[in-house]
């Protein structure tokens, strides 16, 4: 019980301290899913399921990258 409440408290603190970055990251990621599926189906002529798989895996990696980039960018613009 104590471990679970500690995890939720840590997640809450991460969310509170990074709310703007998390929201921008989420919106970027959803948009990337849609764009990647469309482009893969039109340009690479792959099936929807293959496009969907790639569109989920690749943007998740990009989302982590964007979050790190956004945190770095925000820390540089404060100075």
C-alpha atoms as a PDB file:
ATOM      1  CA  UNK A   1       0.000   0.000   0.000  1.00  0.00           C
ATOM      2  CA  UNK A   2       2.768   2.407   0.932  1.00  0.00           C
ATOM      3  CA  UNK A   3       4.691   1.649  -2.270  1.00  0.00           C
ATOM      4  CA  UNK A   4       1.605   2.258  -4.402  1.00  0.00           C
ATOM      5  CA  UNK A   5       0.826   5.581  -2.748  1.00  0.00           C
ATOM      6  CA  UNK A   6       4.483   6.589  -3.142  1.00  0.00           C
ATOM      7  CA  UNK A   7       4.364   5.832  -6.862  1.00  0.00           C
ATOM      8  CA  UNK A   8       1.169   7.848  -7.307  1.00  0.00           C
ATOM      9  CA  UNK A   9       2.633  10.740  -5.313  1.00  0.00           C
ATOM     10  CA  UNK A  10       5.795  10.709  -7.450  1.00  0.00           C
ATOM     11  CA  UNK A  11       3.702  10.621 -10.653  1.00  0.00           C
ATOM     12  CA  UNK A  12       1.605  13.526  -9.352  1.00  0.00           C
ATOM     13  CA  UNK A  13       4.735  15.566  -8.631  1.00  0.00           C
ATOM     14  CA  UNK A  14       6.162  14.821 -12.086  1.00  0.00           C
ATOM     15  CA  UNK A  15       2.864  15.892 -13.670  1.00  0.00           C
ATOM     16  CA  UNK A  16       2.604  19.097 -11.630  1.00  0.00           C
ATOM     17  CA  UNK A  17       6.200  20.089 -12.405  1.00  0.00           C
ATOM     18  CA  UNK A  18       5.945  19.296 -16.124  1.00  0.00           C
ATOM     19  CA  UNK A  19       2.292  19.929 -17.019  1.00  0.00           C
ATOM     20  CA  UNK A  20       2.992  22.173 -20.024  1.00  0.00           C
ATOM     21  CA  UNK A  21       5.677  19.928 -21.484  1.00  0.00           C
ATOM     22  CA  UNK A  22       3.559  16.820 -21.005  1.00  0.00           C
ATOM     23  CA  UNK A  23       0.548  18.408 -22.719  1.00  0.00           C
ATOM     24  CA  UNK A  24       2.618  19.603 -25.700  1.00  0.00           C
ATOM     25  CA  UNK A  25       4.283  16.197 -25.919  1.00  0.00           C
ATOM     26  CA  UNK A  26       0.896  14.418 -25.902  1.00  0.00           C
ATOM     27  CA  UNK A  27      -0.575  16.668 -28.624  1.00  0.00           C
ATOM     28  CA  UNK A  28       2.561  16.306 -30.761  1.00  0.00           C
ATOM     29  CA  UNK A  29       2.469  12.512 -30.382  1.00  0.00           C
ATOM     30  CA  UNK A  30      -1.203  12.166 -31.382  1.00  0.00           C
ATOM     31  CA  UNK A  31      -0.604  14.338 -34.441  1.00  0.00           C
ATOM     32  CA  UNK A  32       2.448  12.306 -35.315  1.00  0.00           C
ATOM     33  CA  UNK A  33       0.401   9.062 -35.201  1.00  0.00           C
ATOM     34  CA  UNK A  34      -2.071  10.427 -37.753  1.00  0.00           C
ATOM     35  CA  UNK A  35       0.599  11.895 -40.027  1.00  0.00           C
ATOM     36  CA  UNK A  36       2.765   8.771 -39.941  1.00  0.00           C
ATOM     37  CA  UNK A  37      -0.131   6.446 -40.798  1.00  0.00           C
ATOM     38  CA  UNK A  38      -1.192   8.643 -43.694  1.00  0.00           C
ATOM     39  CA  UNK A  39       2.296   9.096 -45.117  1.00  0.00           C
ATOM     40  CA  UNK A  40       3.209   5.423 -44.831  1.00  0.00           C
ATOM     41  CA  UNK A  41       0.017   4.306 -46.524  1.00  0.00           C
ATOM     42  CA  UNK A  42       0.379   6.842 -49.359  1.00  0.00           C
ATOM     43  CA  UNK A  43       4.134   6.891 -49.941  1.00  0.00           C
ATOM     44  CA  UNK A  44       5.282   3.409 -48.948  1.00  0.00           C
ATOM     45  CA  UNK A  45       2.049   1.681 -49.987  1.00  0.00           C
ATOM     46  CA  UNK A  46       1.924  -0.458 -46.833  1.00  0.00           C
ATOM     47  CA  UNK A  47      -1.155  -1.903 -45.183  1.00  0.00           C
ATOM     48  CA  UNK A  48      -2.993  -0.049 -42.450  1.00  0.00           C
ATOM     49  CA  UNK A  49      -1.773  -2.496 -39.761  1.00  0.00           C
ATOM     50  CA  UNK A  50       1.885  -2.069 -40.707  1.00  0.00           C
ATOM     51  CA  UNK A  51       1.454   1.702 -40.901  1.00  0.00           C
ATOM     52  CA  UNK A  52      -0.326   1.676 -37.522  1.00  0.00           C
ATOM     53  CA  UNK A  53       2.453  -0.359 -35.880  1.00  0.00           C
ATOM     54  CA  UNK A  54       5.162   1.933 -37.183  1.00  0.00           C
ATOM     55  CA  UNK A  55       3.080   5.009 -36.420  1.00  0.00           C
ATOM     56  CA  UNK A  56       2.827   3.976 -32.773  1.00  0.00           C
ATOM     57  CA  UNK A  57       6.366   2.724 -32.098  1.00  0.00           C
ATOM     58  CA  UNK A  58       8.325   5.469 -33.847  1.00  0.00           C
ATOM     59  CA  UNK A  59       6.405   8.448 -32.375  1.00  0.00           C
ATOM     60  CA  UNK A  60       6.740   7.052 -28.865  1.00  0.00           C
ATOM     61  CA  UNK A  61      10.501   7.265 -29.294  1.00  0.00           C
ATOM     62  CA  UNK A  62      10.062  10.755 -30.747  1.00  0.00           C
ATOM     63  CA  UNK A  63       7.840  11.741 -27.812  1.00  0.00           C
ATOM     64  CA  UNK A  64      10.618  10.908 -25.354  1.00  0.00           C
ATOM     65  CA  UNK A  65      13.062  12.864 -27.501  1.00  0.00           C
ATOM     66  CA  UNK A  66      10.689  15.849 -27.726  1.00  0.00           C
ATOM     67  CA  UNK A  67      10.089  15.883 -23.962  1.00  0.00           C
ATOM     68  CA  UNK A  68      13.842  15.970 -23.316  1.00  0.00           C
ATOM     69  CA  UNK A  69      14.314  18.662 -25.972  1.00  0.00           C
ATOM     70  CA  UNK A  70      11.449  20.757 -24.592  1.00  0.00           C
ATOM     71  CA  UNK A  71      12.771  20.550 -21.024  1.00  0.00           C
ATOM     72  CA  UNK A  72      16.247  21.572 -22.220  1.00  0.00           C
ATOM     73  CA  UNK A  73      14.830  24.384 -24.371  1.00  0.00           C
ATOM     74  CA  UNK A  74      12.683  25.728 -21.535  1.00  0.00           C
ATOM     75  CA  UNK A  75      15.647  25.683 -19.140  1.00  0.00           C
ATOM     76  CA  UNK A  76      17.754  27.648 -21.636  1.00  0.00           C
ATOM     77  CA  UNK A  77      15.066  30.270 -22.305  1.00  0.00           C
ATOM     78  CA  UNK A  78      14.672  31.114 -18.603  1.00  0.00           C
ATOM     79  CA  UNK A  79      18.246  32.427 -18.455  1.00  0.00           C
END
